[in-house]
Amino acid sequence: MSDPAFSMADYDPNDPDPWLALYLDQSLPIAPVAKNALLKGNRSWSRRWMFPIVRPAVFGFFLLVKLLRGISPHHPNLNGPLHKLIHWGLKTFCTPEANTLILRHFHVGTELLAFIKANAGPVEVETVPLRPRTLKDLEDNVFLQHDLNVFNFIIQLNASLRAQGRDLAPVDDLDFSMISDEPFELEPLPRGWLNFVDVQTAIEVYTPLYALFLPRADFIRAANSLQLDETVAIYIAKILGADYHLAFIKNGHPLVQLSTLQAGYRLMMHGLDCEGLHGWLRMIKARQAAGLPLDPRNPTA
């Protein structure tokens, strides 16, 4: 279904809208609801004007937080208040599109890990499924648990595979039962007059607060988890026996770590990578259900 916000009716070859070009582009298999939300945020006045204004101040604050954490790496530890503050900030200031992307991310991450587990053979892996439907649900330690899930999954999966002397391998009858076809069921999101902040500006502001409220080890683990997109994508490639999706994973392998000062930008890339991976699996699931070759590039595969 087309979005009236991105209409060919206003197309002018002498002055093409860059957001219309990206809306029509099909190079990434991203769910329409996520793509629309991201594009509306990108072209909002918040992203175009507020983001570059607040970013230098946020960067300076981030440096002070890093200095504080160098002196006191363990205290304060305010995980509960942090999640309440995030909930309040998103509810009060963020657009419905920004909040949609944030809530979707936990569903997408849960399903990506579940896909790998279901198609990995007999492995012992235990993580906490995250399915927030409201912004209030985020107060239940969701952000920190998301980071714990990723690292615990990789540790437990590989420990189990190593104990059996094997690795992930292509699966003939893939299980896509955990990959959602329809948009995730989310409760209506706030649309007040203060709900104007786009997702990238919100993440840029939120990142140093995460570093301030949590112990240094928790923040570094969260920042490093952003580079695990390529790791997860390689696992999926081993299961699918195909690696096309690695072409659109751009967050970098974690063996060469990036500065935590880049965490805000990499968090945006993390969200994009996960949406792309999920969309690719959703596409392959649909082809499997239709009895088509799983690889859309190769009709004989």
C-alpha atoms as a PDB file:
ATOM      1  CA  MET A   1       0.000   0.000   0.000  1.00  0.00           C
ATOM      2  CA  SER A   2       1.420   3.401  -0.977  1.00  0.00           C
ATOM      3  CA  ASP A   3       1.944   6.144   1.575  1.00  0.00           C
ATOM      4  CA  PRO A   4       0.472   9.553   0.666  1.00  0.00           C
ATOM      5  CA  ALA A   5       3.490  11.174   2.310  1.00  0.00           C
ATOM      6  CA  PHE A   6       5.612   9.766  -0.530  1.00  0.00           C
ATOM      7  CA  SER A   7       3.548  10.347  -3.662  1.00  0.00           C
ATOM      8  CA  MET A   8       4.584  10.288  -7.324  1.00  0.00           C
ATOM      9  CA  ALA A   9       1.988  13.015  -7.854  1.00  0.00           C
ATOM     10  CA  ASP A  10       4.520  15.570  -6.594  1.00  0.00           C
ATOM     11  CA  TYR A  11       7.471  14.097  -8.492  1.00  0.00           C
ATOM     12  CA  ASP A  12       9.522  16.673 -10.389  1.00  0.00           C
ATOM     13  CA  PRO A  13      12.474  15.338 -12.446  1.00  0.00           C
ATOM     14  CA  ASN A  14      14.137  18.733 -12.056  1.00  0.00           C
ATOM     15  CA  ASP A  15      13.799  18.638  -8.273  1.00  0.00           C
ATOM     16  CA  PRO A  16      13.466  14.976  -7.198  1.00  0.00           C
ATOM     17  CA  ASP A  17      12.619  14.323  -3.559  1.00  0.00           C
ATOM     18  CA  PRO A  18      15.450  12.215  -2.026  1.00  0.00           C
ATOM     19  CA  TRP A  19      13.018  10.659   0.446  1.00  0.00           C
ATOM     20  CA  LEU A  20      10.708   9.563  -2.383  1.00  0.00           C
ATOM     21  CA  ALA A  21      13.696   7.877  -4.030  1.00  0.00           C
ATOM     22  CA  LEU A  22      14.472   5.940  -0.858  1.00  0.00           C
ATOM     23  CA  TYR A  23      10.797   5.118  -0.322  1.00  0.00           C
ATOM     24  CA  LEU A  24      10.549   3.560  -3.786  1.00  0.00           C
ATOM     25  CA  ASP A  25      13.961   1.861  -3.589  1.00  0.00           C
ATOM     26  CA  GLN A  26      13.771  -1.903  -2.979  1.00  0.00           C
ATOM     27  CA  SER A  27      17.434  -2.681  -2.325  1.00  0.00           C
ATOM     28  CA  LEU A  28      16.775  -3.555   1.331  1.00  0.00           C
ATOM     29  CA  PRO A  29      13.971  -5.966   2.342  1.00  0.00           C
ATOM     30  CA  ILE A  30      12.659  -3.768   5.145  1.00  0.00           C
ATOM     31  CA  ALA A  31       9.075  -3.962   6.393  1.00  0.00           C
ATOM     32  CA  PRO A  32       7.041  -1.034   4.994  1.00  0.00           C
ATOM     33  CA  VAL A  33       5.985   0.143   8.465  1.00  0.00           C
ATOM     34  CA  ALA A  34       9.622   0.373   9.580  1.00  0.00           C
ATOM     35  CA  LYS A  35      10.808   2.016   6.368  1.00  0.00           C
ATOM     36  CA  ASN A  36       8.050   4.623   6.434  1.00  0.00           C
ATOM     37  CA  ALA A  37       8.747   5.419  10.076  1.00  0.00           C
ATOM     38  CA  LEU A  38      12.464   5.811   9.418  1.00  0.00           C
ATOM     39  CA  LEU A  39      11.986   8.009   6.354  1.00  0.00           C
ATOM     40  CA  LYS A  40       9.462  10.272   8.083  1.00  0.00           C
ATOM     41  CA  GLY A  41      11.931  10.714  10.906  1.00  0.00           C
ATOM     42  CA  ASN A  42      14.789  11.447   8.494  1.00  0.00           C
ATOM     43  CA  ARG A  43      12.931  14.259   6.780  1.00  0.00           C
ATOM     44  CA  SER A  44      11.433  15.751   9.957  1.00  0.00           C
ATOM     45  CA  TRP A  45      12.548  19.140  11.219  1.00  0.00           C
ATOM     46  CA  SER A  46      13.727  17.442  14.414  1.00  0.00           C
ATOM     47  CA  ARG A  47      16.289  15.368  12.475  1.00  0.00           C
ATOM     48  CA  ARG A  48      17.272  18.182  10.128  1.00  0.00           C
ATOM     49  CA  TRP A  49      17.601  20.973  12.694  1.00  0.00           C
ATOM     50  CA  MET A  50      17.444  19.712  16.270  1.00  0.00           C
ATOM     51  CA  PHE A  51      19.845  16.790  15.785  1.00  0.00           C
ATOM     52  CA  PRO A  52      22.865  18.838  14.584  1.00  0.00           C
ATOM     53  CA  ILE A  53      22.222  21.441  17.301  1.00  0.00           C
ATOM     54  CA  VAL A  54      22.050  19.041  20.256  1.00  0.00           C
ATOM     55  CA  ARG A  55      24.759  16.664  19.025  1.00  0.00           C
ATOM     56  CA  PRO A  56      27.792  18.800  20.089  1.00  0.00           C
ATOM     57  CA  ALA A  57      26.299  19.297  23.563  1.00  0.00           C
ATOM     58  CA  VAL A  58      25.557  15.595  23.859  1.00  0.00           C
ATOM     59  CA  PHE A  59      29.113  14.764  22.758  1.00  0.00           C
ATOM     60  CA  GLY A  60      30.558  17.063  25.437  1.00  0.00           C
ATOM     61  CA  PHE A  61      28.299  15.505  28.069  1.00  0.00           C
ATOM     62  CA  PHE A  62      29.355  12.054  26.876  1.00  0.00           C
ATOM     63  CA  LEU A  63      33.031  12.925  27.443  1.00  0.00           C
ATOM     64  CA  LEU A  64      32.242  14.012  31.011  1.00  0.00           C
ATOM     65  CA  VAL A  65      30.355  10.770  31.620  1.00  0.00           C
ATOM     66  CA  LYS A  66      33.286   8.720  30.312  1.00  0.00           C
ATOM     67  CA  LEU A  67      35.610  10.609  32.672  1.00  0.00           C
ATOM     68  CA  LEU A  68      33.255   9.956  35.589  1.00  0.00           C
ATOM     69  CA  ARG A  69      33.022   6.277  34.711  1.00  0.00           C
ATOM     70  CA  GLY A  70      36.809   6.072  34.522  1.00  0.00           C
ATOM     71  CA  ILE A  71      36.938   7.286  38.119  1.00  0.00           C
ATOM     72  CA  SER A  72      33.919   5.341  39.373  1.00  0.00           C
ATOM     73  CA  PRO A  73      33.259   2.359  37.071  1.00  0.00           C
ATOM     74  CA  HIS A  74      30.680   0.659  39.310  1.00  0.00           C
ATOM     75  CA  HIS A  75      28.620   3.483  40.835  1.00  0.00           C
ATOM     76  CA  PRO A  76      26.051   4.805  40.345  1.00  0.00           C
ATOM     77  CA  ASN A  77      24.045   1.759  39.261  1.00  0.00           C
ATOM     78  CA  LEU A  78      20.568   3.060  38.505  1.00  0.00           C
ATOM     79  CA  ASN A  79      19.097   0.539  36.084  1.00  0.00           C
ATOM     80  CA  GLY A  80      15.529   0.876  37.351  1.00  0.00           C
ATOM     81  CA  PRO A  81      15.462   4.695  37.208  1.00  0.00           C
ATOM     82  CA  LEU A  82      17.144   4.561  33.785  1.00  0.00           C
ATOM     83  CA  HIS A  83      14.348   2.466  32.283  1.00  0.00           C
ATOM     84  CA  LYS A  84      11.710   4.698  33.891  1.00  0.00           C
ATOM     85  CA  LEU A  85      13.460   7.773  32.487  1.00  0.00           C
ATOM     86  CA  ILE A  86      13.604   6.228  29.011  1.00  0.00           C
ATOM     87  CA  HIS A  87       9.895   5.402  29.187  1.00  0.00           C
ATOM     88  CA  TRP A  88       9.028   8.927  30.270  1.00  0.00           C
ATOM     89  CA  GLY A  89      11.199  10.519  27.593  1.00  0.00           C
ATOM     90  CA  LEU A  90       9.817   8.385  24.768  1.00  0.00           C
ATOM     91  CA  LYS A  91       6.228   8.865  25.934  1.00  0.00           C
ATOM     92  CA  THR A  92       6.597  12.619  26.352  1.00  0.00           C
ATOM     93  CA  PHE A  93       8.793  13.724  23.458  1.00  0.00           C
ATOM     94  CA  CYS A  94       9.133  11.103  20.711  1.00  0.00           C
ATOM     95  CA  THR A  95       7.031  10.778  17.593  1.00  0.00           C
ATOM     96  CA  PRO A  96       4.858   7.698  17.065  1.00  0.00           C
ATOM     97  CA  GLU A  97       7.231   6.714  14.253  1.00  0.00           C
ATOM     98  CA  ALA A  98      10.269   6.845  16.556  1.00  0.00           C
ATOM     99  CA  ASN A  99       8.506   4.824  19.242  1.00  0.00           C
ATOM    100  CA  THR A 100       7.316   2.298  16.663  1.00  0.00           C
ATOM    101  CA  LEU A 101      10.893   1.667  15.531  1.00  0.00           C
ATOM    102  CA  ILE A 102      12.103   1.264  19.114  1.00  0.00           C
ATOM    103  CA  LEU A 103       9.343  -1.149  20.140  1.00  0.00           C
ATOM    104  CA  ARG A 104       9.697  -3.129  16.901  1.00  0.00           C
ATOM    105  CA  HIS A 105      13.396  -3.634  17.483  1.00  0.00           C
ATOM    106  CA  PHE A 106      12.917  -5.933  20.464  1.00  0.00           C
ATOM    107  CA  HIS A 107      10.413  -8.114  18.592  1.00  0.00           C
ATOM    108  CA  VAL A 108      12.752  -8.323  15.600  1.00  0.00           C
ATOM    109  CA  GLY A 109      15.742  -9.235  17.784  1.00  0.00           C
ATOM    110  CA  THR A 110      13.759 -11.901  19.612  1.00  0.00           C
ATOM    111  CA  GLU A 111      12.681 -13.513  16.338  1.00  0.00           C
ATOM    112  CA  LEU A 112      16.159 -13.456  14.764  1.00  0.00           C
ATOM    113  CA  LEU A 113      17.665 -15.316  17.725  1.00  0.00           C
ATOM    114  CA  ALA A 114      14.723 -17.723  17.817  1.00  0.00           C
ATOM    115  CA  PHE A 115      15.230 -18.515  14.120  1.00  0.00           C
ATOM    116  CA  ILE A 116      18.878 -19.426  14.663  1.00  0.00           C
ATOM    117  CA  LYS A 117      18.071 -21.551  17.715  1.00  0.00           C
ATOM    118  CA  ALA A 118      15.251 -23.420  15.966  1.00  0.00           C
ATOM    119  CA  ASN A 119      17.456 -24.254  12.988  1.00  0.00           C
ATOM    120  CA  ALA A 120      20.688 -24.972  14.857  1.00  0.00           C
ATOM    121  CA  GLY A 121      19.847 -28.550  15.791  1.00  0.00           C
ATOM    122  CA  PRO A 122      19.945 -29.706  19.427  1.00  0.00           C
ATOM    123  CA  VAL A 123      21.505 -26.846  21.396  1.00  0.00           C
ATOM    124  CA  GLU A 124      21.115 -25.587  24.953  1.00  0.00           C
ATOM    125  CA  VAL A 125      20.297 -21.886  24.715  1.00  0.00           C
ATOM    126  CA  GLU A 126      18.157 -19.855  27.107  1.00  0.00           C
ATOM    127  CA  THR A 127      17.264 -16.202  26.522  1.00  0.00           C
ATOM    128  CA  VAL A 128      14.367 -13.983  27.584  1.00  0.00           C
ATOM    129  CA  PRO A 129      11.876 -13.235  24.768  1.00  0.00           C
ATOM    130  CA  LEU A 130      11.175  -9.497  24.564  1.00  0.00           C
ATOM    131  CA  ARG A 131       7.745  -8.523  23.231  1.00  0.00           C
ATOM    132  CA  PRO A 132       6.925  -4.991  24.466  1.00  0.00           C
ATOM    133  CA  ARG A 133       3.576  -3.781  23.186  1.00  0.00           C
ATOM    134  CA  THR A 134       3.519  -0.471  25.077  1.00  0.00           C
ATOM    135  CA  LEU A 135       6.128   2.065  26.083  1.00  0.00           C
ATOM    136  CA  LYS A 136       5.368   1.208  29.710  1.00  0.00           C
ATOM    137  CA  ASP A 137       6.572  -2.349  29.010  1.00  0.00           C
ATOM    138  CA  LEU A 138      10.067  -0.957  28.438  1.00  0.00           C
ATOM    139  CA  GLU A 139      10.412  -0.293  32.160  1.00  0.00           C
ATOM    140  CA  ASP A 140      10.757  -4.038  32.738  1.00  0.00           C
ATOM    141  CA  ASN A 141      14.536  -4.005  32.176  1.00  0.00           C
ATOM    142  CA  VAL A 142      13.999  -4.437  28.431  1.00  0.00           C
ATOM    143  CA  PHE A 143      17.021  -2.481  27.159  1.00  0.00           C
ATOM    144  CA  LEU A 144      19.536  -4.164  29.445  1.00  0.00           C
ATOM    145  CA  GLN A 145      17.966  -7.596  28.905  1.00  0.00           C
ATOM    146  CA  HIS A 146      18.259  -7.106  25.141  1.00  0.00           C
ATOM    147  CA  ASP A 147      22.041  -6.763  25.476  1.00  0.00           C
ATOM    148  CA  LEU A 148      22.258  -9.712  27.850  1.00  0.00           C
ATOM    149  CA  ASN A 149      20.219 -11.842  25.441  1.00  0.00           C
ATOM    150  CA  VAL A 150      22.631 -11.300  22.566  1.00  0.00           C
ATOM    151  CA  PHE A 151      25.791 -12.138  24.485  1.00  0.00           C
ATOM    152  CA  ASN A 152      24.266 -15.048  26.381  1.00  0.00           C
ATOM    153  CA  PHE A 153      22.902 -16.437  23.125  1.00  0.00           C
ATOM    154  CA  ILE A 154      26.302 -16.358  21.413  1.00  0.00           C
ATOM    155  CA  ILE A 155      28.082 -17.843  24.426  1.00  0.00           C
ATOM    156  CA  GLN A 156      25.575 -20.638  25.013  1.00  0.00           C
ATOM    157  CA  LEU A 157      25.071 -21.456  21.320  1.00  0.00           C
ATOM    158  CA  ASN A 158      28.753 -21.799  20.575  1.00  0.00           C
ATOM    159  CA  ALA A 159      29.528 -23.623  23.814  1.00  0.00           C
ATOM    160  CA  SER A 160      26.828 -26.152  22.941  1.00  0.00           C
ATOM    161  CA  LEU A 161      28.052 -26.540  19.352  1.00  0.00           C
ATOM    162  CA  ARG A 162      31.671 -26.916  20.468  1.00  0.00           C
ATOM    163  CA  ALA A 163      30.689 -29.569  23.017  1.00  0.00           C
ATOM    164  CA  GLN A 164      29.113 -31.544  20.155  1.00  0.00           C
ATOM    165  CA  GLY A 165      32.061 -30.998  17.845  1.00  0.00           C
ATOM    166  CA  ARG A 166      30.028 -29.318  15.129  1.00  0.00           C
ATOM    167  CA  ASP A 167      29.053 -25.977  13.634  1.00  0.00           C
ATOM    168  CA  LEU A 168      25.916 -24.489  12.127  1.00  0.00           C
ATOM    169  CA  ALA A 169      25.108 -25.956   8.718  1.00  0.00           C
ATOM    170  CA  PRO A 170      22.528 -25.549   5.924  1.00  0.00           C
ATOM    171  CA  VAL A 171      19.065 -26.876   6.815  1.00  0.00           C
ATOM    172  CA  ASP A 172      16.875 -28.554   4.195  1.00  0.00           C
ATOM    173  CA  ASP A 173      13.528 -27.917   5.897  1.00  0.00           C
ATOM    174  CA  LEU A 174      13.874 -24.476   7.455  1.00  0.00           C
ATOM    175  CA  ASP A 175      11.651 -23.527  10.398  1.00  0.00           C
ATOM    176  CA  PHE A 176      10.243 -20.012   9.924  1.00  0.00           C
ATOM    177  CA  SER A 177       7.431 -20.396  12.441  1.00  0.00           C
ATOM    178  CA  MET A 178       8.834 -17.671  14.711  1.00  0.00           C
ATOM    179  CA  ILE A 179       9.143 -15.055  11.942  1.00  0.00           C
ATOM    180  CA  SER A 180       6.091 -12.762  12.022  1.00  0.00           C
ATOM    181  CA  ASP A 181       4.339 -12.025   8.727  1.00  0.00           C
ATOM    182  CA  GLU A 182       2.161  -9.137   9.877  1.00  0.00           C
ATOM    183  CA  PRO A 183       3.189  -5.949  11.699  1.00  0.00           C
ATOM    184  CA  PHE A 184       3.746  -6.476  15.406  1.00  0.00           C
ATOM    185  CA  GLU A 185       0.754  -5.721  17.609  1.00  0.00           C
ATOM    186  CA  LEU A 186       1.579  -2.470  19.389  1.00  0.00           C
ATOM    187  CA  GLU A 187      -0.756  -0.359  21.485  1.00  0.00           C
ATOM    188  CA  PRO A 188      -1.566   3.160  20.206  1.00  0.00           C
ATOM    189  CA  LEU A 189       1.364   5.506  20.785  1.00  0.00           C
ATOM    190  CA  PRO A 190       1.283   9.090  22.149  1.00  0.00           C
ATOM    191  CA  ARG A 191       0.583  11.848  19.622  1.00  0.00           C
ATOM    192  CA  GLY A 192       0.704  14.939  21.835  1.00  0.00           C
ATOM    193  CA  TRP A 193       2.009  18.350  20.804  1.00  0.00           C
ATOM    194  CA  LEU A 194       5.353  17.578  22.460  1.00  0.00           C
ATOM    195  CA  ASN A 195       5.829  14.319  20.539  1.00  0.00           C
ATOM    196  CA  PHE A 196       8.133  15.759  17.871  1.00  0.00           C
ATOM    197  CA  VAL A 197      11.567  14.135  18.425  1.00  0.00           C
ATOM    198  CA  ASP A 198      12.801  11.708  15.765  1.00  0.00           C
ATOM    199  CA  VAL A 199      14.409   8.381  16.628  1.00  0.00           C
ATOM    200  CA  GLN A 200      18.022   9.327  15.816  1.00  0.00           C
ATOM    201  CA  THR A 201      17.940  12.474  17.934  1.00  0.00           C
ATOM    202  CA  ALA A 202      16.364  10.519  20.798  1.00  0.00           C
ATOM    203  CA  ILE A 203      19.039   7.811  20.578  1.00  0.00           C
ATOM    204  CA  GLU A 204      21.824  10.385  20.499  1.00  0.00           C
ATOM    205  CA  VAL A 205      20.519  11.943  23.722  1.00  0.00           C
ATOM    206  CA  TYR A 206      19.734   8.617  25.359  1.00  0.00           C
ATOM    207  CA  THR A 207      23.172   7.026  24.776  1.00  0.00           C
ATOM    208  CA  PRO A 208      25.243   9.057  27.298  1.00  0.00           C
ATOM    209  CA  LEU A 209      22.432   8.698  29.843  1.00  0.00           C
ATOM    210  CA  TYR A 210      22.759   4.935  29.465  1.00  0.00           C
ATOM    211  CA  ALA A 211      26.485   5.324  30.184  1.00  0.00           C
ATOM    212  CA  LEU A 212      25.802   7.551  33.192  1.00  0.00           C
ATOM    213  CA  PHE A 213      23.129   5.444  34.874  1.00  0.00           C
ATOM    214  CA  LEU A 214      24.714   2.014  34.377  1.00  0.00           C
ATOM    215  CA  PRO A 215      28.068   0.598  35.514  1.00  0.00           C
ATOM    216  CA  ARG A 216      30.874   0.962  32.979  1.00  0.00           C
ATOM    217  CA  ALA A 217      30.875  -2.775  32.155  1.00  0.00           C
ATOM    218  CA  ASP A 218      27.156  -2.741  31.312  1.00  0.00           C
ATOM    219  CA  PHE A 219      27.516   0.205  28.967  1.00  0.00           C
ATOM    220  CA  ILE A 220      30.591  -1.168  27.194  1.00  0.00           C
ATOM    221  CA  ARG A 221      28.833  -4.509  26.743  1.00  0.00           C
ATOM    222  CA  ALA A 222      25.814  -2.698  25.280  1.00  0.00           C
ATOM    223  CA  ALA A 223      27.998  -0.655  22.905  1.00  0.00           C
ATOM    224  CA  ASN A 224      29.967  -3.712  21.784  1.00  0.00           C
ATOM    225  CA  SER A 225      26.769  -5.676  21.173  1.00  0.00           C
ATOM    226  CA  LEU A 226      25.979  -3.277  18.323  1.00  0.00           C
ATOM    227  CA  GLN A 227      28.798  -4.820  16.285  1.00  0.00           C
ATOM    228  CA  LEU A 228      27.370  -8.339  16.626  1.00  0.00           C
ATOM    229  CA  ASP A 229      25.043  -7.828  13.660  1.00  0.00           C
ATOM    230  CA  GLU A 230      27.613  -9.350  11.315  1.00  0.00           C
ATOM    231  CA  THR A 231      28.101 -12.289  13.683  1.00  0.00           C
ATOM    232  CA  VAL A 232      24.366 -13.024  13.761  1.00  0.00           C
ATOM    233  CA  ALA A 233      24.149 -12.585   9.982  1.00  0.00           C
ATOM    234  CA  ILE A 234      26.951 -15.131   9.477  1.00  0.00           C
ATOM    235  CA  TYR A 235      25.061 -17.629  11.647  1.00  0.00           C
ATOM    236  CA  ILE A 236      21.996 -17.123   9.468  1.00  0.00           C
ATOM    237  CA  ALA A 237      24.124 -17.500   6.310  1.00  0.00           C
ATOM    238  CA  LYS A 238      25.402 -20.863   7.554  1.00  0.00           C
ATOM    239  CA  ILE A 239      21.833 -22.033   8.162  1.00  0.00           C
ATOM    240  CA  LEU A 240      20.483 -20.761   4.842  1.00  0.00           C
ATOM    241  CA  GLY A 241      23.498 -21.921   2.868  1.00  0.00           C
ATOM    242  CA  ALA A 242      23.451 -18.493   1.182  1.00  0.00           C
ATOM    243  CA  ASP A 243      25.188 -15.239   1.999  1.00  0.00           C
ATOM    244  CA  TYR A 244      23.406 -12.543  -0.044  1.00  0.00           C
ATOM    245  CA  HIS A 245      22.135 -10.787   3.078  1.00  0.00           C
ATOM    246  CA  LEU A 246      25.702 -10.133   4.249  1.00  0.00           C
ATOM    247  CA  ALA A 247      25.828  -7.434   1.562  1.00  0.00           C
ATOM    248  CA  PHE A 248      23.535  -5.155   3.596  1.00  0.00           C
ATOM    249  CA  ILE A 249      25.021  -5.702   7.073  1.00  0.00           C
ATOM    250  CA  LYS A 250      27.138  -2.613   7.696  1.00  0.00           C
ATOM    251  CA  ASN A 251      27.843  -2.391  11.432  1.00  0.00           C
ATOM    252  CA  GLY A 252      31.291  -4.037  11.405  1.00  0.00           C
ATOM    253  CA  HIS A 253      32.696  -7.220  12.914  1.00  0.00           C
ATOM    254  CA  PRO A 254      33.252  -7.021  16.708  1.00  0.00           C
ATOM    255  CA  LEU A 255      36.825  -8.351  16.555  1.00  0.00           C
ATOM    256  CA  VAL A 256      37.798  -4.791  15.616  1.00  0.00           C
ATOM    257  CA  GLN A 257      35.939  -2.698  18.151  1.00  0.00           C
ATOM    258  CA  LEU A 258      34.830   0.848  17.511  1.00  0.00           C
ATOM    259  CA  SER A 259      34.789   3.714  20.004  1.00  0.00           C
ATOM    260  CA  THR A 260      31.835   3.910  22.366  1.00  0.00           C
ATOM    261  CA  LEU A 261      31.575   7.574  21.326  1.00  0.00           C
ATOM    262  CA  GLN A 262      30.111   6.267  18.055  1.00  0.00           C
ATOM    263  CA  ALA A 263      27.427   4.256  19.866  1.00  0.00           C
ATOM    264  CA  GLY A 264      24.526   6.522  18.851  1.00  0.00           C
ATOM    265  CA  TYR A 265      25.183   6.184  15.123  1.00  0.00           C
ATOM    266  CA  ARG A 266      25.919   2.473  15.420  1.00  0.00           C
ATOM    267  CA  LEU A 267      22.668   1.940  17.312  1.00  0.00           C
ATOM    268  CA  MET A 268      20.830   3.353  14.303  1.00  0.00           C
ATOM    269  CA  MET A 269      22.801   1.037  12.011  1.00  0.00           C
ATOM    270  CA  HIS A 270      22.047  -1.864  14.370  1.00  0.00           C
ATOM    271  CA  GLY A 271      18.332  -1.208  13.994  1.00  0.00           C
ATOM    272  CA  LEU A 272      18.655  -1.018  10.205  1.00  0.00           C
ATOM    273  CA  ASP A 273      20.688  -4.243  10.038  1.00  0.00           C
ATOM    274  CA  CYS A 274      18.168  -6.133  12.160  1.00  0.00           C
ATOM    275  CA  GLU A 275      15.213  -4.877  10.120  1.00  0.00           C
ATOM    276  CA  GLY A 276      17.000  -5.929   6.927  1.00  0.00           C
ATOM    277  CA  LEU A 277      17.778  -9.410   8.270  1.00  0.00           C
ATOM    278  CA  HIS A 278      14.231  -9.882   9.507  1.00  0.00           C
ATOM    279  CA  GLY A 279      12.804  -8.694   6.201  1.00  0.00           C
ATOM    280  CA  TRP A 280      15.029 -11.116   4.286  1.00  0.00           C
ATOM    281  CA  LEU A 281      13.863 -14.044   6.411  1.00  0.00           C
ATOM    282  CA  ARG A 282      10.250 -12.929   5.987  1.00  0.00           C
ATOM    283  CA  MET A 283      10.743 -12.890   2.204  1.00  0.00           C
ATOM    284  CA  ILE A 284      12.271 -16.369   2.192  1.00  0.00           C
ATOM    285  CA  LYS A 285       9.481 -17.645   4.444  1.00  0.00           C
ATOM    286  CA  ALA A 286       6.895 -16.388   1.960  1.00  0.00           C
ATOM    287  CA  ARG A 287       8.705 -18.100  -0.918  1.00  0.00           C
ATOM    288  CA  GLN A 288       8.831 -21.362   1.034  1.00  0.00           C
ATOM    289  CA  ALA A 289       5.079 -21.156   1.696  1.00  0.00           C
ATOM    290  CA  ALA A 290       4.432 -20.526  -2.017  1.00  0.00           C
ATOM    291  CA  GLY A 291       6.573 -23.494  -3.048  1.00  0.00           C
ATOM    292  CA  LEU A 292       9.121 -21.236  -4.781  1.00  0.00           C
ATOM    293  CA  PRO A 293      12.924 -21.552  -4.673  1.00  0.00           C
ATOM    294  CA  LEU A 294      14.117 -19.950  -1.460  1.00  0.00           C
ATOM    295  CA  ASP A 295      16.754 -17.812  -3.145  1.00  0.00           C
ATOM    296  CA  PRO A 296      14.882 -15.152  -5.197  1.00  0.00           C
ATOM    297  CA  ARG A 297      18.051 -14.492  -7.233  1.00  0.00           C
ATOM    298  CA  ASN A 298      18.347 -18.081  -8.442  1.00  0.00           C
ATOM    299  CA  PRO A 299      15.146 -19.729  -9.777  1.00  0.00           C
ATOM    300  CA  THR A 300      16.872 -23.115  -9.940  1.00  0.00           C
ATOM    301  CA  ALA A 301      18.159 -23.068  -6.335  1.00  0.00           C
END
